[in-house]
């Protein structure tokens, strides 16, 4: 039934598996590495960070483009201190050779006017920002983007599935959203990722939970 539904629908942009660190010892060691956490804290300018989630993305041959979006639009935090590492798991060629690495709307995380007046998911961003891509990726390369940075990806035109791993960090003790007073709630796409710990923390809580492990703090060794 699921296969029939997918076959009759528009091309999906990707398949996603959340919270790999909970199942894979290798992913856990990587996502919880102090070295990676220290980079995240340094980039954000905060003293400590927690792991929010990690994911594996599979963009299969023929999968459609990933539309413009920001990660924090799908997370239940009231913060600006959030960063994602995007790590391809195989070489990715340049986009004009069929590659599907991320495209970034440069400095969009500082653009207050766009979400206030427009819907970034349906707005043509090509004239508003300089759209940047890092082109070819080799195994071991990665890119970082801020939680509010708009990013997208082209469809996969290659004959093989493109796999990528992501890991996202949030500032220690970042507040969760209040239950009331917001123009909109987080996009439901990632709810499966956070609903177990959010049931304990709740609206207006603090990011301090065993499922949001502390990865780095400048106050501890």
C-alpha atoms as a PDB file:
ATOM      1  CA  UNK A   1       0.000   0.000   0.000  1.00  0.00           C
ATOM      2  CA  UNK A   2       2.829   2.414   0.887  1.00  0.00           C
ATOM      3  CA  UNK A   3       4.702   1.572  -2.302  1.00  0.00           C
ATOM      4  CA  UNK A   4       1.553   2.158  -4.351  1.00  0.00           C
ATOM      5  CA  UNK A   5       1.017   5.518  -2.674  1.00  0.00           C
ATOM      6  CA  UNK A   6       4.597   6.583  -3.337  1.00  0.00           C
ATOM      7  CA  UNK A   7       4.410   5.423  -6.932  1.00  0.00           C
ATOM      8  CA  UNK A   8       1.352   7.574  -7.539  1.00  0.00           C
ATOM      9  CA  UNK A   9       2.635  10.722  -5.841  1.00  0.00           C
ATOM     10  CA  UNK A  10       5.028  13.481  -6.789  1.00  0.00           C
ATOM     11  CA  UNK A  11       8.737  12.596  -6.470  1.00  0.00           C
ATOM     12  CA  UNK A  12       9.772  12.768  -2.822  1.00  0.00           C
ATOM     13  CA  UNK A  13      12.964  14.701  -2.004  1.00  0.00           C
ATOM     14  CA  UNK A  14      14.564  12.056   0.226  1.00  0.00           C
ATOM     15  CA  UNK A  15      14.103   9.305   2.789  1.00  0.00           C
ATOM     16  CA  UNK A  16      15.259  10.054   6.347  1.00  0.00           C
ATOM     17  CA  UNK A  17      16.191   7.981   9.410  1.00  0.00           C
ATOM     18  CA  UNK A  18      16.242   9.916  12.703  1.00  0.00           C
ATOM     19  CA  UNK A  19      18.439   9.493  15.780  1.00  0.00           C
ATOM     20  CA  UNK A  20      20.891   6.961  14.427  1.00  0.00           C
ATOM     21  CA  UNK A  21      23.052   7.553  17.523  1.00  0.00           C
ATOM     22  CA  UNK A  22      20.521   5.660  19.646  1.00  0.00           C
ATOM     23  CA  UNK A  23      20.972   2.470  17.594  1.00  0.00           C
ATOM     24  CA  UNK A  24      24.519   2.581  16.211  1.00  0.00           C
ATOM     25  CA  UNK A  25      27.585   2.579  18.515  1.00  0.00           C
ATOM     26  CA  UNK A  26      29.670   4.107  15.713  1.00  0.00           C
ATOM     27  CA  UNK A  27      27.203   6.941  15.162  1.00  0.00           C
ATOM     28  CA  UNK A  28      26.965   7.477  18.921  1.00  0.00           C
ATOM     29  CA  UNK A  29      30.738   7.844  19.273  1.00  0.00           C
ATOM     30  CA  UNK A  30      30.811  10.317  16.417  1.00  0.00           C
ATOM     31  CA  UNK A  31      27.782  12.416  17.383  1.00  0.00           C
ATOM     32  CA  UNK A  32      28.877  12.614  21.029  1.00  0.00           C
ATOM     33  CA  UNK A  33      32.521  13.343  20.291  1.00  0.00           C
ATOM     34  CA  UNK A  34      33.866  16.206  22.361  1.00  0.00           C
ATOM     35  CA  UNK A  35      35.874  17.425  19.381  1.00  0.00           C
ATOM     36  CA  UNK A  36      32.768  17.851  17.223  1.00  0.00           C
ATOM     37  CA  UNK A  37      30.904  19.451  20.114  1.00  0.00           C
ATOM     38  CA  UNK A  38      33.705  21.930  20.686  1.00  0.00           C
ATOM     39  CA  UNK A  39      33.557  22.991  17.027  1.00  0.00           C
ATOM     40  CA  UNK A  40      29.793  23.488  17.304  1.00  0.00           C
ATOM     41  CA  UNK A  41      30.196  25.559  20.478  1.00  0.00           C
ATOM     42  CA  UNK A  42      32.948  27.659  18.904  1.00  0.00           C
ATOM     43  CA  UNK A  43      30.895  28.328  15.759  1.00  0.00           C
ATOM     44  CA  UNK A  44      27.867  29.346  17.830  1.00  0.00           C
ATOM     45  CA  UNK A  45      29.863  31.297  20.405  1.00  0.00           C
ATOM     46  CA  UNK A  46      28.324  29.425  23.348  1.00  0.00           C
ATOM     47  CA  UNK A  47      30.041  27.662  26.275  1.00  0.00           C
ATOM     48  CA  UNK A  48      28.238  24.321  25.945  1.00  0.00           C
ATOM     49  CA  UNK A  49      26.157  22.341  23.453  1.00  0.00           C
ATOM     50  CA  UNK A  50      23.844  19.352  23.492  1.00  0.00           C
ATOM     51  CA  UNK A  51      23.090  16.856  20.745  1.00  0.00           C
ATOM     52  CA  UNK A  52      19.669  17.531  19.252  1.00  0.00           C
ATOM     53  CA  UNK A  53      19.507  14.802  16.614  1.00  0.00           C
ATOM     54  CA  UNK A  54      21.420  12.984  13.942  1.00  0.00           C
ATOM     55  CA  UNK A  55      19.978  11.567  10.734  1.00  0.00           C
ATOM     56  CA  UNK A  56      20.817   9.621   7.620  1.00  0.00           C
ATOM     57  CA  UNK A  57      19.339  10.976   4.385  1.00  0.00           C
ATOM     58  CA  UNK A  58      18.915   8.822   1.297  1.00  0.00           C
ATOM     59  CA  UNK A  59      18.228  10.688  -1.948  1.00  0.00           C
ATOM     60  CA  UNK A  60      17.464   7.932  -4.420  1.00  0.00           C
ATOM     61  CA  UNK A  61      17.809   8.147  -8.204  1.00  0.00           C
ATOM     62  CA  UNK A  62      14.903  10.234  -9.450  1.00  0.00           C
ATOM     63  CA  UNK A  63      14.079  11.729  -6.046  1.00  0.00           C
ATOM     64  CA  UNK A  64      12.989  15.332  -6.423  1.00  0.00           C
ATOM     65  CA  UNK A  65      14.613  18.512  -5.159  1.00  0.00           C
ATOM     66  CA  UNK A  66      14.645  19.420  -1.490  1.00  0.00           C
ATOM     67  CA  UNK A  67      12.762  22.701  -1.127  1.00  0.00           C
ATOM     68  CA  UNK A  68      14.110  25.719   0.743  1.00  0.00           C
ATOM     69  CA  UNK A  69      13.780  25.270   4.496  1.00  0.00           C
ATOM     70  CA  UNK A  70      15.550  25.927   7.785  1.00  0.00           C
ATOM     71  CA  UNK A  71      16.244  23.315  10.457  1.00  0.00           C
ATOM     72  CA  UNK A  72      14.989  25.391  13.390  1.00  0.00           C
ATOM     73  CA  UNK A  73      11.617  25.702  11.695  1.00  0.00           C
ATOM     74  CA  UNK A  74      11.215  21.995  12.457  1.00  0.00           C
ATOM     75  CA  UNK A  75      12.635  21.974  16.005  1.00  0.00           C
ATOM     76  CA  UNK A  76      10.757  22.974  19.200  1.00  0.00           C
ATOM     77  CA  UNK A  77      13.362  25.469  20.466  1.00  0.00           C
ATOM     78  CA  UNK A  78      13.100  29.201  21.086  1.00  0.00           C
ATOM     79  CA  UNK A  79      16.732  29.925  20.268  1.00  0.00           C
ATOM     80  CA  UNK A  80      19.169  31.082  17.605  1.00  0.00           C
ATOM     81  CA  UNK A  81      21.990  28.845  18.874  1.00  0.00           C
ATOM     82  CA  UNK A  82      21.723  25.786  16.639  1.00  0.00           C
ATOM     83  CA  UNK A  83      24.071  24.342  14.029  1.00  0.00           C
ATOM     84  CA  UNK A  84      24.018  21.331  11.702  1.00  0.00           C
ATOM     85  CA  UNK A  85      26.945  19.405  10.215  1.00  0.00           C
ATOM     86  CA  UNK A  86      26.118  17.905   6.786  1.00  0.00           C
ATOM     87  CA  UNK A  87      28.412  15.006   5.859  1.00  0.00           C
ATOM     88  CA  UNK A  88      28.114  13.064   2.580  1.00  0.00           C
ATOM     89  CA  UNK A  89      28.853   9.355   2.854  1.00  0.00           C
ATOM     90  CA  UNK A  90      30.220   9.022  -0.676  1.00  0.00           C
ATOM     91  CA  UNK A  91      31.785  11.406  -3.205  1.00  0.00           C
ATOM     92  CA  UNK A  92      29.332  13.937  -4.660  1.00  0.00           C
ATOM     93  CA  UNK A  93      30.159  15.597  -7.993  1.00  0.00           C
ATOM     94  CA  UNK A  94      29.395  19.169  -8.984  1.00  0.00           C
ATOM     95  CA  UNK A  95      25.725  19.964  -9.577  1.00  0.00           C
ATOM     96  CA  UNK A  96      26.229  20.342 -13.338  1.00  0.00           C
ATOM     97  CA  UNK A  97      27.475  16.744 -13.285  1.00  0.00           C
ATOM     98  CA  UNK A  98      24.336  15.517 -11.502  1.00  0.00           C
ATOM     99  CA  UNK A  99      25.483  16.050  -7.909  1.00  0.00           C
ATOM    100  CA  UNK A 100      22.985  16.986  -5.207  1.00  0.00           C
ATOM    101  CA  UNK A 101      24.920  18.688  -2.421  1.00  0.00           C
ATOM    102  CA  UNK A 102      23.244  21.453  -0.418  1.00  0.00           C
ATOM    103  CA  UNK A 103      22.654  24.994  -1.671  1.00  0.00           C
ATOM    104  CA  UNK A 104      22.654  27.805   0.890  1.00  0.00           C
ATOM    105  CA  UNK A 105      20.929  31.186   0.863  1.00  0.00           C
ATOM    106  CA  UNK A 106      23.903  33.119   2.189  1.00  0.00           C
ATOM    107  CA  UNK A 107      23.169  35.197   5.321  1.00  0.00           C
ATOM    108  CA  UNK A 108      19.482  34.235   5.276  1.00  0.00           C
ATOM    109  CA  UNK A 109      19.725  33.377   8.983  1.00  0.00           C
ATOM    110  CA  UNK A 110      20.042  37.124   9.613  1.00  0.00           C
ATOM    111  CA  UNK A 111      17.097  38.101   7.429  1.00  0.00           C
ATOM    112  CA  UNK A 112      14.212  38.977   9.747  1.00  0.00           C
ATOM    113  CA  UNK A 113      12.117  40.545   6.985  1.00  0.00           C
ATOM    114  CA  UNK A 114      11.666  37.407   4.855  1.00  0.00           C
ATOM    115  CA  UNK A 115       9.754  35.202   7.349  1.00  0.00           C
ATOM    116  CA  UNK A 116       7.909  38.272   8.632  1.00  0.00           C
ATOM    117  CA  UNK A 117       6.514  39.269   5.228  1.00  0.00           C
ATOM    118  CA  UNK A 118       6.806  36.148   3.066  1.00  0.00           C
ATOM    119  CA  UNK A 119       6.845  32.367   3.050  1.00  0.00           C
ATOM    120  CA  UNK A 120      10.413  31.235   2.239  1.00  0.00           C
ATOM    121  CA  UNK A 121       9.091  27.863   1.074  1.00  0.00           C
ATOM    122  CA  UNK A 122       7.263  29.471  -1.862  1.00  0.00           C
ATOM    123  CA  UNK A 123       9.328  32.619  -2.474  1.00  0.00           C
ATOM    124  CA  UNK A 124      11.929  32.837  -5.244  1.00  0.00           C
ATOM    125  CA  UNK A 125      15.141  33.460  -3.305  1.00  0.00           C
ATOM    126  CA  UNK A 126      17.505  33.738  -6.265  1.00  0.00           C
ATOM    127  CA  UNK A 127      17.422  37.552  -6.329  1.00  0.00           C
ATOM    128  CA  UNK A 128      17.269  38.018  -2.569  1.00  0.00           C
ATOM    129  CA  UNK A 129      20.437  36.169  -1.577  1.00  0.00           C
ATOM    130  CA  UNK A 130      23.659  34.968  -3.032  1.00  0.00           C
ATOM    131  CA  UNK A 131      23.011  31.251  -3.353  1.00  0.00           C
ATOM    132  CA  UNK A 132      26.148  29.290  -2.555  1.00  0.00           C
ATOM    133  CA  UNK A 133      27.075  25.661  -2.911  1.00  0.00           C
ATOM    134  CA  UNK A 134      30.348  23.986  -2.074  1.00  0.00           C
ATOM    135  CA  UNK A 135      30.183  21.910  -5.236  1.00  0.00           C
ATOM    136  CA  UNK A 136      32.156  18.708  -5.230  1.00  0.00           C
ATOM    137  CA  UNK A 137      32.405  16.768  -1.954  1.00  0.00           C
ATOM    138  CA  UNK A 138      34.870  14.036  -1.156  1.00  0.00           C
ATOM    139  CA  UNK A 139      34.503  11.465   1.602  1.00  0.00           C
ATOM    140  CA  UNK A 140      35.544  13.187   4.824  1.00  0.00           C
ATOM    141  CA  UNK A 141      34.310  16.629   3.734  1.00  0.00           C
ATOM    142  CA  UNK A 142      31.470  18.354   5.548  1.00  0.00           C
ATOM    143  CA  UNK A 143      29.602  21.640   5.569  1.00  0.00           C
ATOM    144  CA  UNK A 144      28.032  23.523   8.482  1.00  0.00           C
ATOM    145  CA  UNK A 145      24.932  25.669   8.474  1.00  0.00           C
ATOM    146  CA  UNK A 146      23.105  27.743  11.065  1.00  0.00           C
ATOM    147  CA  UNK A 147      19.710  26.557  12.252  1.00  0.00           C
ATOM    148  CA  UNK A 148      17.927  29.463  10.549  1.00  0.00           C
ATOM    149  CA  UNK A 149      19.958  29.349   7.316  1.00  0.00           C
ATOM    150  CA  UNK A 150      17.721  28.508   4.380  1.00  0.00           C
ATOM    151  CA  UNK A 151      19.061  25.617   2.342  1.00  0.00           C
ATOM    152  CA  UNK A 152      17.906  23.289  -0.414  1.00  0.00           C
ATOM    153  CA  UNK A 153      19.241  20.582  -2.712  1.00  0.00           C
ATOM    154  CA  UNK A 154      18.606  19.591  -6.330  1.00  0.00           C
ATOM    155  CA  UNK A 155      17.104  16.258  -7.251  1.00  0.00           C
ATOM    156  CA  UNK A 156      19.315  13.240  -7.710  1.00  0.00           C
ATOM    157  CA  UNK A 157      20.038  12.731 -11.399  1.00  0.00           C
ATOM    158  CA  UNK A 158      22.693  10.073 -10.838  1.00  0.00           C
ATOM    159  CA  UNK A 159      22.111   6.298 -11.062  1.00  0.00           C
ATOM    160  CA  UNK A 160      23.088   5.697  -7.425  1.00  0.00           C
ATOM    161  CA  UNK A 161      21.475   6.711  -4.140  1.00  0.00           C
ATOM    162  CA  UNK A 162      23.132   9.695  -2.456  1.00  0.00           C
ATOM    163  CA  UNK A 163      23.578   9.122   1.283  1.00  0.00           C
ATOM    164  CA  UNK A 164      24.380  11.880   3.750  1.00  0.00           C
ATOM    165  CA  UNK A 165      24.676  11.998   7.523  1.00  0.00           C
ATOM    166  CA  UNK A 166      23.725  15.042   9.569  1.00  0.00           C
ATOM    167  CA  UNK A 167      24.221  15.906  13.204  1.00  0.00           C
ATOM    168  CA  UNK A 168      22.692  18.957  14.896  1.00  0.00           C
ATOM    169  CA  UNK A 169      23.664  20.665  18.141  1.00  0.00           C
ATOM    170  CA  UNK A 170      21.795  23.191  20.267  1.00  0.00           C
ATOM    171  CA  UNK A 171      23.080  25.414  23.056  1.00  0.00           C
ATOM    172  CA  UNK A 172      22.906  23.865  26.513  1.00  0.00           C
ATOM    173  CA  UNK A 173      19.791  24.994  28.408  1.00  0.00           C
ATOM    174  CA  UNK A 174      18.159  26.453  25.300  1.00  0.00           C
ATOM    175  CA  UNK A 175      14.468  27.058  26.059  1.00  0.00           C
ATOM    176  CA  UNK A 176      11.720  25.190  24.279  1.00  0.00           C
ATOM    177  CA  UNK A 177       8.865  27.118  22.723  1.00  0.00           C
ATOM    178  CA  UNK A 178       6.010  28.359  24.856  1.00  0.00           C
ATOM    179  CA  UNK A 179       2.644  26.720  24.305  1.00  0.00           C
ATOM    180  CA  UNK A 180       0.920  29.967  23.383  1.00  0.00           C
ATOM    181  CA  UNK A 181       1.673  33.279  21.737  1.00  0.00           C
ATOM    182  CA  UNK A 182       3.377  32.013  18.567  1.00  0.00           C
ATOM    183  CA  UNK A 183       2.383  32.740  14.996  1.00  0.00           C
ATOM    184  CA  UNK A 184       2.948  29.075  14.135  1.00  0.00           C
ATOM    185  CA  UNK A 185       4.164  25.811  15.607  1.00  0.00           C
ATOM    186  CA  UNK A 186       7.216  23.865  14.428  1.00  0.00           C
ATOM    187  CA  UNK A 187       6.796  22.000  11.169  1.00  0.00           C
ATOM    188  CA  UNK A 188       5.590  18.488  12.040  1.00  0.00           C
ATOM    189  CA  UNK A 189       8.089  16.759   9.728  1.00  0.00           C
ATOM    190  CA  UNK A 190      10.631  16.130  12.511  1.00  0.00           C
ATOM    191  CA  UNK A 191       8.178  15.472  15.361  1.00  0.00           C
ATOM    192  CA  UNK A 192       9.057  11.771  15.366  1.00  0.00           C
ATOM    193  CA  UNK A 193      12.613  12.764  16.264  1.00  0.00           C
ATOM    194  CA  UNK A 194      11.844  14.752  19.410  1.00  0.00           C
ATOM    195  CA  UNK A 195       8.449  13.666  20.726  1.00  0.00           C
ATOM    196  CA  UNK A 196       9.838  11.227  23.344  1.00  0.00           C
ATOM    197  CA  UNK A 197      11.966  13.782  25.212  1.00  0.00           C
ATOM    198  CA  UNK A 198       9.543  16.633  24.544  1.00  0.00           C
ATOM    199  CA  UNK A 199       6.849  14.695  26.408  1.00  0.00           C
ATOM    200  CA  UNK A 200       9.012  15.159  29.539  1.00  0.00           C
ATOM    201  CA  UNK A 201      10.371  18.669  28.929  1.00  0.00           C
ATOM    202  CA  UNK A 202       7.203  20.196  27.481  1.00  0.00           C
ATOM    203  CA  UNK A 203       6.406  23.706  26.286  1.00  0.00           C
ATOM    204  CA  UNK A 204       8.404  26.431  27.987  1.00  0.00           C
ATOM    205  CA  UNK A 205      10.978  23.977  29.333  1.00  0.00           C
ATOM    206  CA  UNK A 206      14.765  23.793  29.171  1.00  0.00           C
ATOM    207  CA  UNK A 207      16.907  21.608  26.898  1.00  0.00           C
ATOM    208  CA  UNK A 208      18.196  19.357  29.673  1.00  0.00           C
ATOM    209  CA  UNK A 209      17.280  15.707  29.153  1.00  0.00           C
ATOM    210  CA  UNK A 210      19.075  12.345  28.782  1.00  0.00           C
ATOM    211  CA  UNK A 211      17.957  12.230  25.134  1.00  0.00           C
ATOM    212  CA  UNK A 212      19.634  15.626  24.617  1.00  0.00           C
ATOM    213  CA  UNK A 213      23.062  14.608  25.918  1.00  0.00           C
ATOM    214  CA  UNK A 214      25.628  17.248  26.816  1.00  0.00           C
ATOM    215  CA  UNK A 215      28.422  16.860  24.270  1.00  0.00           C
ATOM    216  CA  UNK A 216      30.744  19.722  25.136  1.00  0.00           C
ATOM    217  CA  UNK A 217      31.157  22.258  27.927  1.00  0.00           C
ATOM    218  CA  UNK A 218      34.083  24.586  28.391  1.00  0.00           C
ATOM    219  CA  UNK A 219      33.605  24.127  32.139  1.00  0.00           C
ATOM    220  CA  UNK A 220      34.394  20.392  32.117  1.00  0.00           C
ATOM    221  CA  UNK A 221      37.060  18.122  30.693  1.00  0.00           C
END
